[in-house]
C-alpha atoms as a PDB file:
ATOM      1  CA  UNK A   1     -32.292-124.679  96.910  1.00  0.00           C
ATOM      2  CA  UNK A   2     -33.902-126.064 100.140  1.00  0.00           C
ATOM      3  CA  UNK A   3     -36.733-128.658 100.315  1.00  0.00           C
ATOM      4  CA  UNK A   4     -39.361-126.061 100.108  1.00  0.00           C
ATOM      5  CA  UNK A   5     -38.158-124.692  96.887  1.00  0.00           C
ATOM      6  CA  UNK A   6     -37.900-128.143  95.299  1.00  0.00           C
ATOM      7  CA  UNK A   7     -41.539-128.887  96.643  1.00  0.00           C
ATOM      8  CA  UNK A   8     -42.938-125.732  95.166  1.00  0.00           C
ATOM      9  CA  UNK A   9     -41.296-126.431  91.728  1.00  0.00           C
ATOM     10  CA  UNK A  10     -42.651-129.958  91.714  1.00  0.00           C
ATOM     11  CA  UNK A  11     -46.296-128.689  92.754  1.00  0.00           C
ATOM     12  CA  UNK A  12     -46.099-126.190  89.878  1.00  0.00           C
ATOM     13  CA  UNK A  13     -44.918-128.989  87.398  1.00  0.00           C
ATOM     14  CA  UNK A  14     -47.645-131.097  88.638  1.00  0.00           C
ATOM     15  CA  UNK A  15     -50.358-128.537  88.097  1.00  0.00           C
ATOM     16  CA  UNK A  16     -49.111-127.956  84.671  1.00  0.00           C
ATOM     17  CA  UNK A  17     -49.083-131.620  83.831  1.00  0.00           C
ATOM     18  CA  UNK A  18     -52.546-132.293  85.264  1.00  0.00           C
ATOM     19  CA  UNK A  19     -54.021-129.238  83.301  1.00  0.00           C
ATOM     20  CA  UNK A  20     -52.502-130.698  80.121  1.00  0.00           C
ATOM     21  CA  UNK A  21     -54.149-134.090  80.737  1.00  0.00           C
ATOM     22  CA  UNK A  22     -57.621-132.625  80.959  1.00  0.00           C
ATOM     23  CA  UNK A  23     -58.317-132.151  77.211  1.00  0.00           C
ATOM     24  CA  UNK A  24     -56.457-133.800  74.312  1.00  0.00           C
ATOM     25  CA  UNK A  25     -57.020-135.175  70.942  1.00  0.00           C
ATOM     26  CA  UNK A  26     -57.041-134.018  67.224  1.00  0.00           C
ATOM     27  CA  UNK A  27     -54.429-136.079  65.617  1.00  0.00           C
ATOM     28  CA  UNK A  28     -55.259-139.722  64.530  1.00  0.00           C
ATOM     29  CA  UNK A  29     -51.763-140.803  64.199  1.00  0.00           C
ATOM     30  CA  UNK A  30     -51.159-140.031  67.927  1.00  0.00           C
ATOM     31  CA  UNK A  31     -54.543-141.042  69.264  1.00  0.00           C
ATOM     32  CA  UNK A  32     -55.592-144.148  67.389  1.00  0.00           C
ATOM     33  CA  UNK A  33     -54.688-147.599  65.959  1.00  0.00           C
ATOM     34  CA  UNK A  34     -56.135-149.399  63.085  1.00  0.00           C
ATOM     35  CA  UNK A  35     -57.583-152.819  64.350  1.00  0.00           C
ATOM     36  CA  UNK A  36     -58.611-154.473  61.182  1.00  0.00           C
ATOM     37  CA  UNK A  37     -59.403-154.132  57.555  1.00  0.00           C
ATOM     38  CA  UNK A  38     -55.970-153.544  56.212  1.00  0.00           C
ATOM     39  CA  UNK A  39     -55.759-150.622  53.875  1.00  0.00           C
ATOM     40  CA  UNK A  40     -59.312-149.830  53.877  1.00  0.00           C
ATOM     41  CA  UNK A  41     -58.668-147.572  56.870  1.00  0.00           C
ATOM     42  CA  UNK A  42     -56.480-144.463  56.105  1.00  0.00           C
ATOM     43  CA  UNK A  43     -55.281-141.261  57.690  1.00  0.00           C
ATOM     44  CA  UNK A  44     -54.884-138.092  55.736  1.00  0.00           C
ATOM     45  CA  UNK A  45     -53.897-134.334  56.125  1.00  0.00           C
ATOM     46  CA  UNK A  46     -51.194-134.881  58.582  1.00  0.00           C
ATOM     47  CA  UNK A  47     -53.469-136.846  60.945  1.00  0.00           C
ATOM     48  CA  UNK A  48     -56.601-134.532  60.839  1.00  0.00           C
ATOM     49  CA  UNK A  49     -58.746-136.780  58.814  1.00  0.00           C
ATOM     50  CA  UNK A  50     -59.451-140.589  59.069  1.00  0.00           C
ATOM     51  CA  UNK A  51     -61.398-142.695  56.778  1.00  0.00           C
ATOM     52  CA  UNK A  52     -62.880-146.231  57.014  1.00  0.00           C
ATOM     53  CA  UNK A  53     -64.195-148.208  54.065  1.00  0.00           C
ATOM     54  CA  UNK A  54     -66.151-151.363  53.501  1.00  0.00           C
ATOM     55  CA  UNK A  55     -65.981-153.555  50.545  1.00  0.00           C
ATOM     56  CA  UNK A  56     -67.308-157.072  49.699  1.00  0.00           C
ATOM     57  CA  UNK A  57     -64.216-158.711  51.220  1.00  0.00           C
ATOM     58  CA  UNK A  58     -64.106-156.687  54.625  1.00  0.00           C
ATOM     59  CA  UNK A  59     -64.795-153.726  56.580  1.00  0.00           C
ATOM     60  CA  UNK A  60     -62.499-151.714  58.682  1.00  0.00           C
ATOM     61  CA  UNK A  61     -62.024-150.229  62.222  1.00  0.00           C
ATOM     62  CA  UNK A  62     -59.942-148.422  64.731  1.00  0.00           C
ATOM     63  CA  UNK A  63     -59.549-148.071  68.558  1.00  0.00           C
ATOM     64  CA  UNK A  64     -58.084-145.184  70.809  1.00  0.00           C
ATOM     65  CA  UNK A  65     -54.601-145.656  72.186  1.00  0.00           C
ATOM     66  CA  UNK A  66     -55.815-144.431  75.676  1.00  0.00           C
ATOM     67  CA  UNK A  67     -58.418-145.803  78.065  1.00  0.00           C
ATOM     68  CA  UNK A  68     -60.802-143.377  79.583  1.00  0.00           C
ATOM     69  CA  UNK A  69     -62.809-143.431  83.123  1.00  0.00           C
ATOM     70  CA  UNK A  70     -65.278-140.812  82.721  1.00  0.00           C
ATOM     71  CA  UNK A  71     -64.977-137.645  80.734  1.00  0.00           C
ATOM     72  CA  UNK A  72     -66.419-136.161  77.501  1.00  0.00           C
ATOM     73  CA  UNK A  73     -65.823-137.500  74.115  1.00  0.00           C
ATOM     74  CA  UNK A  74     -66.378-135.707  70.623  1.00  0.00           C
ATOM     75  CA  UNK A  75     -66.009-137.025  67.384  1.00  0.00           C
ATOM     76  CA  UNK A  76     -67.254-135.483  63.942  1.00  0.00           C
ATOM     77  CA  UNK A  77     -68.305-138.010  61.533  1.00  0.00           C
ATOM     78  CA  UNK A  78     -69.521-137.886  57.929  1.00  0.00           C
ATOM     79  CA  UNK A  79     -71.524-140.909  57.138  1.00  0.00           C
ATOM     80  CA  UNK A  80     -71.501-143.414  54.045  1.00  0.00           C
ATOM     81  CA  UNK A  81     -73.553-141.323  51.272  1.00  0.00           C
ATOM     82  CA  UNK A  82     -75.935-142.756  48.856  1.00  0.00           C
ATOM     83  CA  UNK A  83     -77.324-146.139  49.099  1.00  0.00           C
ATOM     84  CA  UNK A  84     -75.982-147.268  52.336  1.00  0.00           C
ATOM     85  CA  UNK A  85     -78.408-150.007  53.142  1.00  0.00           C
ATOM     86  CA  UNK A  86     -77.043-152.998  54.924  1.00  0.00           C
ATOM     87  CA  UNK A  87     -73.899-151.085  56.378  1.00  0.00           C
ATOM     88  CA  UNK A  88     -73.408-150.096  60.002  1.00  0.00           C
ATOM     89  CA  UNK A  89     -71.125-147.261  61.147  1.00  0.00           C
ATOM     90  CA  UNK A  90     -70.322-147.691  64.763  1.00  0.00           C
ATOM     91  CA  UNK A  91     -68.697-145.122  67.447  1.00  0.00           C
ATOM     92  CA  UNK A  92     -68.746-146.187  71.000  1.00  0.00           C
ATOM     93  CA  UNK A  93     -66.716-146.749  74.411  1.00  0.00           C
ATOM     94  CA  UNK A  94     -66.070-150.329  75.476  1.00  0.00           C
ATOM     95  CA  UNK A  95     -64.038-152.267  77.977  1.00  0.00           C
ATOM     96  CA  UNK A  96     -63.138-155.657  77.155  1.00  0.00           C
ATOM     97  CA  UNK A  97     -64.139-159.286  78.583  1.00  0.00           C
ATOM     98  CA  UNK A  98     -67.666-161.143  79.407  1.00  0.00           C
ATOM     99  CA  UNK A  99     -68.588-158.444  81.912  1.00  0.00           C
ATOM    100  CA  UNK A 100     -67.612-155.480  79.873  1.00  0.00           C
ATOM    101  CA  UNK A 101     -69.195-152.150  79.906  1.00  0.00           C
ATOM    102  CA  UNK A 102     -70.121-150.197  76.675  1.00  0.00           C
ATOM    103  CA  UNK A 103     -71.743-147.056  75.521  1.00  0.00           C
ATOM    104  CA  UNK A 104     -72.785-147.139  71.756  1.00  0.00           C
ATOM    105  CA  UNK A 105     -73.678-144.897  68.906  1.00  0.00           C
ATOM    106  CA  UNK A 106     -74.574-147.046  65.813  1.00  0.00           C
ATOM    107  CA  UNK A 107     -75.648-145.607  62.522  1.00  0.00           C
ATOM    108  CA  UNK A 108     -77.805-148.088  60.500  1.00  0.00           C
ATOM    109  CA  UNK A 109     -77.769-147.175  56.788  1.00  0.00           C
ATOM    110  CA  UNK A 110     -80.535-147.146  54.502  1.00  0.00           C
ATOM    111  CA  UNK A 111     -81.604-146.983  50.802  1.00  0.00           C
ATOM    112  CA  UNK A 112     -80.744-143.616  48.897  1.00  0.00           C
ATOM    113  CA  UNK A 113     -83.270-140.905  50.097  1.00  0.00           C
ATOM    114  CA  UNK A 114     -84.291-142.706  53.275  1.00  0.00           C
ATOM    115  CA  UNK A 115     -82.882-141.604  56.788  1.00  0.00           C
ATOM    116  CA  UNK A 116     -80.333-143.184  58.869  1.00  0.00           C
ATOM    117  CA  UNK A 117     -81.472-144.643  62.176  1.00  0.00           C
ATOM    118  CA  UNK A 118     -79.124-143.812  65.057  1.00  0.00           C
ATOM    119  CA  UNK A 119     -79.178-146.676  67.475  1.00  0.00           C
ATOM    120  CA  UNK A 120     -78.057-145.937  71.104  1.00  0.00           C
ATOM    121  CA  UNK A 121     -77.272-148.647  73.780  1.00  0.00           C
ATOM    122  CA  UNK A 122     -75.655-149.012  77.118  1.00  0.00           C
ATOM    123  CA  UNK A 123     -74.012-152.328  78.748  1.00  0.00           C
ATOM    124  CA  UNK A 124     -72.880-152.532  82.315  1.00  0.00           C
ATOM    125  CA  UNK A 125     -71.354-155.894  83.402  1.00  0.00           C
ATOM    126  CA  UNK A 126     -71.892-157.512  80.053  1.00  0.00           C
ATOM    127  CA  UNK A 127     -75.655-156.859  79.857  1.00  0.00           C
ATOM    128  CA  UNK A 128     -77.197-154.128  77.561  1.00  0.00           C
ATOM    129  CA  UNK A 129     -80.684-154.211  76.179  1.00  0.00           C
ATOM    130  CA  UNK A 130     -81.339-150.516  76.880  1.00  0.00           C
ATOM    131  CA  UNK A 131     -81.818-149.408  73.371  1.00  0.00           C
ATOM    132  CA  UNK A 132     -83.443-146.112  72.142  1.00  0.00           C
ATOM    133  CA  UNK A 133     -83.443-145.264  68.401  1.00  0.00           C
ATOM    134  CA  UNK A 134     -83.654-141.784  66.449  1.00  0.00           C
ATOM    135  CA  UNK A 135     -84.101-140.321  62.969  1.00  0.00           C
ATOM    136  CA  UNK A 136     -81.748-137.416  62.500  1.00  0.00           C
ATOM    137  CA  UNK A 137     -83.060-133.807  61.837  1.00  0.00           C
ATOM    138  CA  UNK A 138     -80.421-133.635  58.992  1.00  0.00           C
ATOM    139  CA  UNK A 139     -78.648-135.440  56.422  1.00  0.00           C
ATOM    140  CA  UNK A 140     -75.559-136.887  58.129  1.00  0.00           C
ATOM    141  CA  UNK A 141     -73.942-137.773  54.814  1.00  0.00           C
ATOM    142  CA  UNK A 142     -73.655-134.161  53.457  1.00  0.00           C
ATOM    143  CA  UNK A 143     -71.531-132.697  56.178  1.00  0.00           C
ATOM    144  CA  UNK A 144     -69.687-133.568  59.273  1.00  0.00           C
ATOM    145  CA  UNK A 145     -71.859-133.664  62.466  1.00  0.00           C
ATOM    146  CA  UNK A 146     -70.375-133.839  66.085  1.00  0.00           C
ATOM    147  CA  UNK A 147     -71.445-136.888  68.090  1.00  0.00           C
ATOM    148  CA  UNK A 148     -70.748-136.800  71.757  1.00  0.00           C
ATOM    149  CA  UNK A 149     -70.901-138.776  74.991  1.00  0.00           C
ATOM    150  CA  UNK A 150     -70.486-137.137  78.277  1.00  0.00           C
ATOM    151  CA  UNK A 151     -69.962-140.104  81.105  1.00  0.00           C
ATOM    152  CA  UNK A 152     -70.089-139.391  84.704  1.00  0.00           C
ATOM    153  CA  UNK A 153     -70.694-141.668  87.762  1.00  0.00           C
ATOM    154  CA  UNK A 154     -74.092-140.338  88.077  1.00  0.00           C
ATOM    155  CA  UNK A 155     -75.396-140.316  84.370  1.00  0.00           C
ATOM    156  CA  UNK A 156     -74.559-140.531  80.793  1.00  0.00           C
ATOM    157  CA  UNK A 157     -75.546-137.989  78.140  1.00  0.00           C
ATOM    158  CA  UNK A 158     -75.722-138.650  74.351  1.00  0.00           C
ATOM    159  CA  UNK A 159     -75.473-135.461  72.156  1.00  0.00           C
ATOM    160  CA  UNK A 160     -75.650-134.657  68.627  1.00  0.00           C
ATOM    161  CA  UNK A 161     -74.269-131.238  67.570  1.00  0.00           C
ATOM    162  CA  UNK A 162     -74.448-130.230  71.375  1.00  0.00           C
ATOM    163  CA  UNK A 163     -78.195-131.267  71.409  1.00  0.00           C
ATOM    164  CA  UNK A 164     -78.948-133.898  73.881  1.00  0.00           C
ATOM    165  CA  UNK A 165     -80.780-136.842  72.721  1.00  0.00           C
ATOM    166  CA  UNK A 166     -80.571-139.216  75.582  1.00  0.00           C
ATOM    167  CA  UNK A 167     -79.936-139.184  79.336  1.00  0.00           C
ATOM    168  CA  UNK A 168     -79.370-142.353  81.080  1.00  0.00           C
ATOM    169  CA  UNK A 169     -79.090-142.062  84.902  1.00  0.00           C
ATOM    170  CA  UNK A 170     -77.388-144.311  87.357  1.00  0.00           C
ATOM    171  CA  UNK A 171     -80.095-146.500  88.806  1.00  0.00           C
ATOM    172  CA  UNK A 172     -77.683-148.708  90.969  1.00  0.00           C
ATOM    173  CA  UNK A 173     -80.000-147.626  93.991  1.00  0.00           C
ATOM    174  CA  UNK A 174     -82.703-149.941  92.491  1.00  0.00           C
ATOM    175  CA  UNK A 175     -80.270-152.861  91.619  1.00  0.00           C
ATOM    176  CA  UNK A 176     -79.387-151.742  88.137  1.00  0.00           C
ATOM    177  CA  UNK A 177     -75.521-152.057  87.249  1.00  0.00           C
ATOM    178  CA  UNK A 178     -73.984-148.863  85.965  1.00  0.00           C
ATOM    179  CA  UNK A 179     -70.602-148.474  83.865  1.00  0.00           C
ATOM    180  CA  UNK A 180     -68.555-146.918  86.348  1.00  0.00           C
ATOM    181  CA  UNK A 181     -65.655-148.923  87.372  1.00  0.00           C
ATOM    182  CA  UNK A 182     -64.062-150.191  84.006  1.00  0.00           C
ATOM    183  CA  UNK A 183     -61.917-147.922  82.067  1.00  0.00           C
ATOM    184  CA  UNK A 184     -63.070-147.990  78.228  1.00  0.00           C
ATOM    185  CA  UNK A 185     -61.346-147.336  74.874  1.00  0.00           C
ATOM    186  CA  UNK A 186     -62.910-145.515  71.930  1.00  0.00           C
ATOM    187  CA  UNK A 187     -63.778-147.593  68.897  1.00  0.00           C
ATOM    188  CA  UNK A 188     -65.179-147.288  65.500  1.00  0.00           C
ATOM    189  CA  UNK A 189     -66.092-149.516  62.605  1.00  0.00           C
ATOM    190  CA  UNK A 190     -67.741-149.789  59.409  1.00  0.00           C
ATOM    191  CA  UNK A 191     -69.004-153.214  58.566  1.00  0.00           C
ATOM    192  CA  UNK A 192     -71.677-155.253  56.678  1.00  0.00           C
ATOM    193  CA  UNK A 193     -74.793-156.100  58.564  1.00  0.00           C
ATOM    194  CA  UNK A 194     -77.395-156.840  55.888  1.00  0.00           C
ATOM    195  CA  UNK A 195     -78.655-159.888  57.732  1.00  0.00           C
ATOM    196  CA  UNK A 196     -80.547-157.381  60.285  1.00  0.00           C
ATOM    197  CA  UNK A 197     -79.704-153.675  59.894  1.00  0.00           C
ATOM    198  CA  UNK A 198     -82.054-152.467  57.310  1.00  0.00           C
ATOM    199  CA  UNK A 199     -85.727-153.619  57.666  1.00  0.00           C
ATOM    200  CA  UNK A 200     -84.694-156.561  59.665  1.00  0.00           C
ATOM    201  CA  UNK A 201     -82.418-157.827  56.942  1.00  0.00           C
ATOM    202  CA  UNK A 202     -84.818-157.479  54.024  1.00  0.00           C
ATOM    203  CA  UNK A 203     -82.802-155.011  52.360  1.00  0.00           C
ATOM    204  CA  UNK A 204     -79.426-156.239  51.396  1.00  0.00           C
ATOM    205  CA  UNK A 205     -76.189-154.375  50.504  1.00  0.00           C
ATOM    206  CA  UNK A 206     -75.517-153.393  47.070  1.00  0.00           C
ATOM    207  CA  UNK A 207     -72.121-154.132  46.408  1.00  0.00           C
ATOM    208  CA  UNK A 208     -72.008-152.411  42.920  1.00  0.00           C
ATOM    209  CA  UNK A 209     -72.106-149.388  45.168  1.00  0.00           C
ATOM    210  CA  UNK A 210     -68.976-150.396  47.036  1.00  0.00           C
ATOM    211  CA  UNK A 211     -66.612-149.257  48.552  1.00  0.00           C
ATOM    212  CA  UNK A 212     -68.567-147.558  51.187  1.00  0.00           C
ATOM    213  CA  UNK A 213     -66.655-144.825  53.170  1.00  0.00           C
ATOM    214  CA  UNK A 214     -67.195-142.676  56.288  1.00  0.00           C
ATOM    215  CA  UNK A 215     -64.928-139.988  57.390  1.00  0.00           C
ATOM    216  CA  UNK A 216     -63.869-138.702  60.763  1.00  0.00           C
ATOM    217  CA  UNK A 217     -62.302-135.385  62.084  1.00  0.00           C
ATOM    218  CA  UNK A 218     -61.836-133.096  65.232  1.00  0.00           C
ATOM    219  CA  UNK A 219     -61.579-135.760  67.751  1.00  0.00           C
ATOM    220  CA  UNK A 220     -61.529-134.447  71.248  1.00  0.00           C
ATOM    221  CA  UNK A 221     -61.435-136.167  74.785  1.00  0.00           C
ATOM    222  CA  UNK A 222     -61.717-134.236  78.031  1.00  0.00           C
ATOM    223  CA  UNK A 223     -60.996-135.754  81.351  1.00  0.00           C
ATOM    224  CA  UNK A 224     -62.815-134.367  84.367  1.00  0.00           C
ATOM    225  CA  UNK A 225     -60.413-132.692  86.681  1.00  0.00           C
ATOM    226  CA  UNK A 226     -60.030-133.567  90.429  1.00  0.00           C
ATOM    227  CA  UNK A 227     -61.544-130.341  91.627  1.00  0.00           C
ATOM    228  CA  UNK A 228     -64.860-131.481  89.475  1.00  0.00           C
ATOM    229  CA  UNK A 229     -64.841-134.674  90.986  1.00  0.00           C
ATOM    230  CA  UNK A 230     -64.772-133.294  94.351  1.00  0.00           C
ATOM    231  CA  UNK A 231     -67.716-130.906  93.614  1.00  0.00           C
ATOM    232  CA  UNK A 232     -70.940-132.740  94.332  1.00  0.00           C
ATOM    233  CA  UNK A 233     -73.105-130.215  92.875  1.00  0.00           C
ATOM    234  CA  UNK A 234     -71.142-130.438  89.527  1.00  0.00           C
ATOM    235  CA  UNK A 235     -71.383-134.093  89.622  1.00  0.00           C
ATOM    236  CA  UNK A 236     -75.007-134.265  89.767  1.00  0.00           C
ATOM    237  CA  UNK A 237     -75.538-131.552  87.263  1.00  0.00           C
ATOM    238  CA  UNK A 238     -77.168-132.907  84.226  1.00  0.00           C
ATOM    239  CA  UNK A 239     -78.881-130.459  81.612  1.00  0.00           C
ATOM    240  CA  UNK A 240     -79.961-126.760  82.032  1.00  0.00           C
ATOM    241  CA  UNK A 241     -83.419-125.595  81.259  1.00  0.00           C
ATOM    242  CA  UNK A 242     -82.329-125.009  77.498  1.00  0.00           C
ATOM    243  CA  UNK A 243     -80.848-128.523  77.304  1.00  0.00           C
ATOM    244  CA  UNK A 244     -83.857-130.071  78.784  1.00  0.00           C
ATOM    245  CA  UNK A 245     -86.231-128.331  76.205  1.00  0.00           C
ATOM    246  CA  UNK A 246     -83.926-129.672  73.319  1.00  0.00           C
ATOM    247  CA  UNK A 247     -83.886-133.144  74.699  1.00  0.00           C
ATOM    248  CA  UNK A 248     -87.859-133.136  75.053  1.00  0.00           C
ATOM    249  CA  UNK A 249     -87.925-131.874  71.341  1.00  0.00           C
ATOM    250  CA  UNK A 250     -85.767-134.504  70.011  1.00  0.00           C
ATOM    251  CA  UNK A 251     -87.520-137.285  71.858  1.00  0.00           C
ATOM    252  CA  UNK A 252     -90.809-136.156  70.843  1.00  0.00           C
ATOM    253  CA  UNK A 253     -90.126-135.571  67.142  1.00  0.00           C
ATOM    254  CA  UNK A 254     -87.378-137.973  66.376  1.00  0.00           C
ATOM    255  CA  UNK A 255     -87.163-140.990  68.648  1.00  0.00           C
ATOM    256  CA  UNK A 256     -88.682-144.059  66.964  1.00  0.00           C
ATOM    257  CA  UNK A 257     -87.738-146.761  69.722  1.00  0.00           C
ATOM    258  CA  UNK A 258     -87.395-146.753  73.385  1.00  0.00           C
ATOM    259  CA  UNK A 259     -87.145-149.965  75.229  1.00  0.00           C
ATOM    260  CA  UNK A 260     -88.834-148.235  78.208  1.00  0.00           C
ATOM    261  CA  UNK A 261     -92.055-148.168  76.316  1.00  0.00           C
ATOM    262  CA  UNK A 262     -91.876-151.591  74.607  1.00  0.00           C
ATOM    263  CA  UNK A 263     -94.756-153.352  76.156  1.00  0.00           C
ATOM    264  CA  UNK A 264     -94.483-156.390  73.825  1.00  0.00           C
ATOM    265  CA  UNK A 265     -90.914-156.967  74.941  1.00  0.00           C
ATOM    266  CA  UNK A 266     -91.604-156.576  78.517  1.00  0.00           C
ATOM    267  CA  UNK A 267     -95.124-157.706  79.314  1.00  0.00           C
ATOM    268  CA  UNK A 268     -94.240-158.468  82.938  1.00  0.00           C
ATOM    269  CA  UNK A 269     -93.250-154.912  83.653  1.00  0.00           C
ATOM    270  CA  UNK A 270     -90.692-152.620  82.451  1.00  0.00           C
ATOM    271  CA  UNK A 271     -86.984-152.749  83.659  1.00  0.00           C
ATOM    272  CA  UNK A 272     -86.649-150.871  87.032  1.00  0.00           C
ATOM    273  CA  UNK A 273     -84.550-148.128  85.627  1.00  0.00           C
ATOM    274  CA  UNK A 274     -87.479-147.033  83.274  1.00  0.00           C
ATOM    275  CA  UNK A 275     -89.614-146.267  86.124  1.00  0.00           C
ATOM    276  CA  UNK A 276     -87.255-143.429  87.263  1.00  0.00           C
ATOM    277  CA  UNK A 277     -87.807-141.272  84.294  1.00  0.00           C
END
């Protein structure tokens, strides 16, 4: 076989390999490692279901084996049911070190019958303080719901069941760092934060209700293809008209905190990225 034939076969194999790398996930045995908590973290159903638990002695957590630099991450989670006050379930992307980047979902538990608070934040070069918080329009403890992060060099989009709840745009043009150079792993943990999580620490964890357990399934990660990164129009595309309507609906009816409107916190003026939205 001539060099042309070998080159053609190599090209075909490379294209197949790259296409296989665009989307992956599903099996927790293959994709994640437990990081702490001992047997409080468990995998069931041949790798299709994972649980984290918290008791008086310890919480638990896991991290992805792979790192990601841009893409879409989806995870279905069923949160701690009943009286979850004092507990925090986290699901986030993060690099490591003092100048780490991070994209956060945090679910702050509450007493039975009261809604969870969904806390979001973004860190770049070790600095965060970009919080938005929401109530959810459903009970996140009754069924699994999908929590997603779309991460591009131009923006970050947080979604719940494919409904966008937050868009954070790259504001490097006004001197604000943006997470775009550090690959990040996926992390999740369930831990006790009753010194601050529920009403500023006024409501403590009821250990008589322990263990507290959250469940995970249907993890999926999608890396953006080379052709997408070479498509400037695609790179800058955010939400379509329906997505923008749903985003406005969430922010009007369910947002309970936005750092970009906190006058007491920023009496000298809001951060520069806030003026862009």
